[in-house]
């Protein structure tokens, strides 16, 4: 089976001691490539160092994470634009709105999110959207910005069925399913049963959100097999079909040449 981990932070410090081993374990289970979203200016050097080292396997995105939107967000956005002009990226991300941790810069988060949606359209790149306690706020902005050139994925989807249906109305967006789908009270499983496999990407969000039976341990891309098996169980499909469909979905969205 072939997989694509469409969301991993394998470039951060958590993997400094065994990054190569983690990549080897991912390859052993069939992970053909990894998509690496940026966080903010402090992570760019690490991101590019890892993606240069594993060129063609670890593919970088460029963006400003909503929890990194502070008073200096305009400077951060300028750095994002500068990077987009200098290096090859496969998408804009991760971007969005997060009202779980801190609402202090909510207005700035909205401005930064909209700005990066416009950057995605300008550069003809997909967006990777982070949404935490902010689906209504995000959908309102996407409603205003969506056109034939805007496409992307709602990463680590945890919304309602109506949220999913709203996203599907855009015709050009998918949802990322990760370890939360394996959690007893995660809620994703209840919505997943009504999803079309053609709208799903698999992801780990490693080192975060380890799936059952590894919950509480550091997550890594090899664990994507546990996500795939749970998705297959819920959709009553062979796991091989889930692997094939979600891999093709990722290839299409990110214009991958594997």
Protein backbone atom coordinates (compact mmCIF):
# COMPACT_ATOMS: atom_id res chain seq x y z
CA UNK A 1 0.00 0.00 0.00
CA UNK A 2 1.08 3.56 -0.72
CA UNK A 3 0.37 6.49 1.60
CA UNK A 4 1.07 10.22 1.66
CA UNK A 5 1.30 11.90 5.05
CA UNK A 6 -0.24 15.23 4.12
CA UNK A 7 0.61 16.92 7.42
CA UNK A 8 3.69 16.31 9.55
CA UNK A 9 6.05 18.53 11.54
CA UNK A 10 8.98 16.15 11.25
CA UNK A 11 11.30 19.16 10.93
CA UNK A 12 10.83 20.30 14.54
CA UNK A 13 13.12 19.53 17.49
CA UNK A 14 11.12 16.47 18.61
CA UNK A 15 12.69 14.51 15.74
CA UNK A 16 16.27 15.78 16.02
CA UNK A 17 17.46 12.57 17.69
CA UNK A 18 15.95 10.10 15.22
CA UNK A 19 14.59 11.87 12.15
CA UNK A 20 16.24 9.48 9.72
CA UNK A 21 14.90 6.48 11.60
CA UNK A 22 11.39 7.95 11.64
CA UNK A 23 11.58 8.47 7.89
CA UNK A 24 12.84 4.93 7.40
CA UNK A 25 9.92 3.57 9.44
CA UNK A 26 7.51 5.61 7.33
CA UNK A 27 8.99 4.26 4.12
CA UNK A 28 8.70 0.71 5.43
CA UNK A 29 4.90 1.03 5.76
CA UNK A 30 4.54 2.64 2.33
CA UNK A 31 4.64 6.40 2.96
CA UNK A 32 5.79 7.78 -0.41
CA UNK A 33 6.21 11.39 0.70
CA UNK A 34 5.44 13.83 3.49
CA UNK A 35 3.95 17.33 3.36
CA UNK A 36 5.56 19.72 5.88
CA UNK A 37 3.63 22.89 6.83
CA UNK A 38 5.53 25.89 8.15
CA UNK A 39 4.75 27.53 11.50
CA UNK A 40 6.31 31.02 11.47
CA UNK A 41 9.61 32.83 10.85
CA UNK A 42 11.35 30.87 13.62
CA UNK A 43 10.72 27.53 11.87
CA UNK A 44 11.69 28.42 8.28
CA UNK A 45 15.36 27.53 8.64
CA UNK A 46 14.59 24.12 10.14
CA UNK A 47 11.88 23.46 7.58
CA UNK A 48 14.10 24.22 4.60
CA UNK A 49 17.06 22.36 6.08
CA UNK A 50 15.03 19.16 6.40
CA UNK A 51 13.27 19.49 3.05
CA UNK A 52 16.58 20.17 1.31
CA UNK A 53 18.12 17.11 2.96
CA UNK A 54 15.19 14.91 1.97
CA UNK A 55 14.45 16.66 -1.31
CA UNK A 56 11.56 15.06 -3.16
CA UNK A 57 10.39 13.13 -0.10
CA UNK A 58 9.75 15.91 2.44
CA UNK A 59 7.86 18.68 0.65
CA UNK A 60 7.62 22.14 2.26
CA UNK A 61 4.67 24.49 2.59
CA UNK A 62 5.00 28.16 3.48
CA UNK A 63 2.66 30.07 5.74
CA UNK A 64 1.98 31.68 9.11
CA UNK A 65 0.23 29.51 11.70
CA UNK A 66 -2.68 31.30 13.42
CA UNK A 67 -1.27 30.79 16.92
CA UNK A 68 1.84 32.67 15.76
CA UNK A 69 -0.17 35.73 14.72
CA UNK A 70 0.90 38.45 17.14
CA UNK A 71 1.52 42.22 16.98
CA UNK A 72 4.24 41.68 14.37
CA UNK A 73 2.04 39.62 12.05
CA UNK A 74 2.56 41.96 9.10
CA UNK A 75 6.32 41.40 9.29
CA UNK A 76 5.71 37.67 9.46
CA UNK A 77 3.49 37.81 6.38
CA UNK A 78 6.16 39.79 4.54
CA UNK A 79 8.62 36.97 5.25
CA UNK A 80 6.11 34.44 3.90
CA UNK A 81 5.83 36.43 0.68
CA UNK A 82 9.61 36.76 0.46
CA UNK A 83 10.01 32.99 0.78
CA UNK A 84 7.37 32.33 -1.87
CA UNK A 85 9.44 34.40 -4.26
CA UNK A 86 12.68 32.57 -3.49
CA UNK A 87 11.91 28.88 -2.98
CA UNK A 88 9.70 26.10 -4.29
CA UNK A 89 6.70 25.33 -2.08
CA UNK A 90 3.82 22.92 -2.59
CA UNK A 91 1.17 24.94 -0.80
CA UNK A 92 0.35 27.73 1.65
CA UNK A 93 0.14 26.47 5.19
CA UNK A 94 -0.59 26.04 7.74
CA UNK A 95 -2.94 28.97 7.98
CA UNK A 96 -6.31 29.62 9.56
CA UNK A 97 -7.89 30.76 12.82
CA UNK A 98 -7.41 29.29 16.30
CA UNK A 99 -9.67 30.53 19.11
CA UNK A 100 -8.83 27.70 21.50
CA UNK A 101 -5.57 28.96 22.96
CA UNK A 102 -5.88 32.74 22.80
CA UNK A 103 -8.41 35.18 21.35
CA UNK A 104 -6.23 38.26 21.89
CA UNK A 105 -5.27 38.58 18.23
CA UNK A 106 -8.51 37.32 16.70
CA UNK A 107 -8.90 40.31 14.39
CA UNK A 108 -5.27 39.99 13.26
CA UNK A 109 -5.79 36.26 12.68
CA UNK A 110 -8.67 37.04 10.32
CA UNK A 111 -6.56 39.55 8.38
CA UNK A 112 -3.61 37.14 8.16
CA UNK A 113 -5.85 34.28 7.04
CA UNK A 114 -7.51 36.29 4.29
CA UNK A 115 -4.15 37.65 3.12
CA UNK A 116 -2.74 34.15 2.81
CA UNK A 117 -5.79 32.91 0.91
CA UNK A 118 -5.09 35.69 -1.58
CA UNK A 119 -1.43 34.64 -1.75
CA UNK A 120 -2.52 31.09 -2.54
CA UNK A 121 -4.65 32.30 -5.42
CA UNK A 122 -1.86 34.53 -6.69
CA UNK A 123 0.69 31.69 -6.64
CA UNK A 124 -1.82 29.02 -7.69
CA UNK A 125 -1.11 26.88 -4.63
CA UNK A 126 -3.44 24.88 -2.36
CA UNK A 127 -4.02 26.00 1.23
CA UNK A 128 -3.77 23.90 4.38
CA UNK A 129 -6.27 25.29 6.88
CA UNK A 130 -5.98 24.97 10.66
CA UNK A 131 -9.31 25.45 12.42
CA UNK A 132 -9.76 25.17 16.15
CA UNK A 133 -12.94 26.51 17.74
CA UNK A 134 -13.30 28.68 14.64
CA UNK A 135 -15.20 26.87 11.88
CA UNK A 136 -17.86 29.56 11.48
CA UNK A 137 -15.27 32.33 11.37
CA UNK A 138 -13.14 30.49 8.81
CA UNK A 139 -16.02 29.45 6.58
CA UNK A 140 -17.29 33.04 6.49
CA UNK A 141 -13.95 34.22 5.08
CA UNK A 142 -13.56 31.31 2.66
CA UNK A 143 -17.11 31.98 1.42
CA UNK A 144 -15.94 35.46 0.45
CA UNK A 145 -12.63 34.41 -1.09
CA UNK A 146 -13.41 31.12 -2.82
CA UNK A 147 -13.25 31.06 -6.61
CA UNK A 148 -12.11 28.64 -9.30
CA UNK A 149 -8.46 29.17 -8.31
CA UNK A 150 -8.77 28.49 -4.56
CA UNK A 151 -8.35 24.91 -3.37
CA UNK A 152 -7.06 23.17 -0.29
CA UNK A 153 -7.67 20.98 2.73
CA UNK A 154 -9.16 21.52 6.16
CA UNK A 155 -6.42 19.86 8.18
CA UNK A 156 -7.26 17.61 11.14
CA UNK A 157 -10.98 17.98 10.45
CA UNK A 158 -13.04 17.94 13.64
CA UNK A 159 -16.20 19.73 12.54
CA UNK A 160 -19.83 18.73 12.23
CA UNK A 161 -21.58 17.12 9.27
CA UNK A 162 -22.92 20.54 8.28
CA UNK A 163 -19.34 21.91 8.37
CA UNK A 164 -18.26 19.07 6.09
CA UNK A 165 -21.15 19.68 3.70
CA UNK A 166 -20.32 23.39 3.63
CA UNK A 167 -16.70 22.59 2.73
CA UNK A 168 -17.84 20.20 0.00
CA UNK A 169 -19.97 22.96 -1.53
CA UNK A 170 -16.73 24.69 -2.54
CA UNK A 171 -16.02 21.76 -4.94
CA UNK A 172 -12.26 22.24 -4.56
CA UNK A 173 -11.54 21.40 -0.91
CA UNK A 174 -10.83 18.20 0.98
CA UNK A 175 -10.64 17.27 4.66
CA UNK A 176 -7.64 15.83 6.47
CA UNK A 177 -8.29 12.86 8.75
CA UNK A 178 -5.72 11.98 11.40
CA UNK A 179 -5.36 10.22 14.72
CA UNK A 180 -8.43 11.85 16.32
CA UNK A 181 -10.63 9.53 14.23
CA UNK A 182 -9.41 6.65 16.44
CA UNK A 183 -10.38 8.39 19.71
CA UNK A 184 -13.46 7.08 21.52
CA UNK A 185 -14.86 10.56 22.14
CA UNK A 186 -13.17 12.39 19.26
CA UNK A 187 -16.41 12.73 17.30
CA UNK A 188 -14.74 12.55 13.89
CA UNK A 189 -15.87 8.95 13.37
CA UNK A 190 -19.53 10.01 13.54
CA UNK A 191 -19.07 12.48 10.68
CA UNK A 192 -16.67 10.32 8.69
CA UNK A 193 -19.34 7.68 8.04
CA UNK A 194 -21.13 10.22 5.81
CA UNK A 195 -18.00 11.34 3.93
CA UNK A 196 -17.00 10.50 0.39
CA UNK A 197 -13.58 8.83 0.17
CA UNK A 198 -12.78 11.16 -2.74
CA UNK A 199 -12.80 14.08 -0.29
CA UNK A 200 -10.39 12.62 2.28
CA UNK A 201 -6.66 13.02 2.84
CA UNK A 202 -4.74 11.06 5.47
CA UNK A 203 -2.37 12.82 7.84
CA UNK A 204 -0.62 12.34 11.17
CA UNK A 205 0.11 15.91 12.38
CA UNK A 206 3.14 14.27 13.98
CA UNK A 207 4.53 14.58 16.60
CA UNK A 208 0.99 15.38 17.82
CA UNK A 209 -2.30 13.43 17.95
CA UNK A 210 -0.99 9.88 18.00
CA UNK A 211 -3.69 7.37 17.05
CA UNK A 212 -4.94 4.56 19.26
CA UNK A 213 -3.19 2.30 20.30
CA UNK A 214 -0.25 4.73 20.55
CA UNK A 215 -2.06 7.65 22.14
CA UNK A 216 0.17 9.51 24.57
CA UNK A 217 3.34 8.68 22.70
CA UNK A 218 5.12 10.84 20.11
CA UNK A 219 3.36 10.51 16.78
CA UNK A 220 5.20 9.82 13.53
CA UNK A 221 4.32 9.23 9.89
CA UNK A 222 4.52 5.41 10.12
CA UNK A 223 1.42 5.57 12.32
CA UNK A 224 -0.67 6.63 9.33
CA UNK A 225 -1.53 2.95 8.88
CA UNK A 226 -3.64 3.07 12.06
CA UNK A 227 -5.57 6.05 10.68
CA UNK A 228 -6.11 4.27 7.36
CA UNK A 229 -7.41 1.13 9.07
CA UNK A 230 -9.91 3.12 11.14
CA UNK A 231 -11.12 5.02 8.09
CA UNK A 232 -11.52 1.72 6.23
CA UNK A 233 -13.46 0.24 9.14
CA UNK A 234 -15.86 3.19 9.34
CA UNK A 235 -16.42 3.43 5.59
CA UNK A 236 -16.64 -0.35 5.23
CA UNK A 237 -13.91 -0.39 2.59
CA UNK A 238 -10.76 -2.47 2.15
CA UNK A 239 -7.82 -0.59 3.65
CA UNK A 240 -6.05 -0.93 0.29
CA UNK A 241 -8.85 1.11 -1.32
CA UNK A 242 -8.51 3.81 1.34
CA UNK A 243 -4.75 3.98 0.79
CA UNK A 244 -5.11 4.20 -2.98
CA UNK A 245 -7.91 6.79 -2.99
CA UNK A 246 -6.38 9.10 -0.39
CA UNK A 247 -2.97 8.93 -2.07
CA UNK A 248 -4.50 9.90 -5.41
CA UNK A 249 -6.42 12.71 -3.69
CA UNK A 250 -3.16 14.08 -2.28
CA UNK A 251 -1.38 13.80 -5.63
CA UNK A 252 -4.20 15.76 -7.24
CA UNK A 253 -4.45 18.49 -4.61
CA UNK A 254 -0.73 19.17 -4.25
CA UNK A 255 0.15 18.51 -7.93
CA UNK A 256 2.66 15.86 -6.91
CA UNK A 257 4.87 14.02 -9.36
CA UNK A 258 5.65 10.71 -7.67
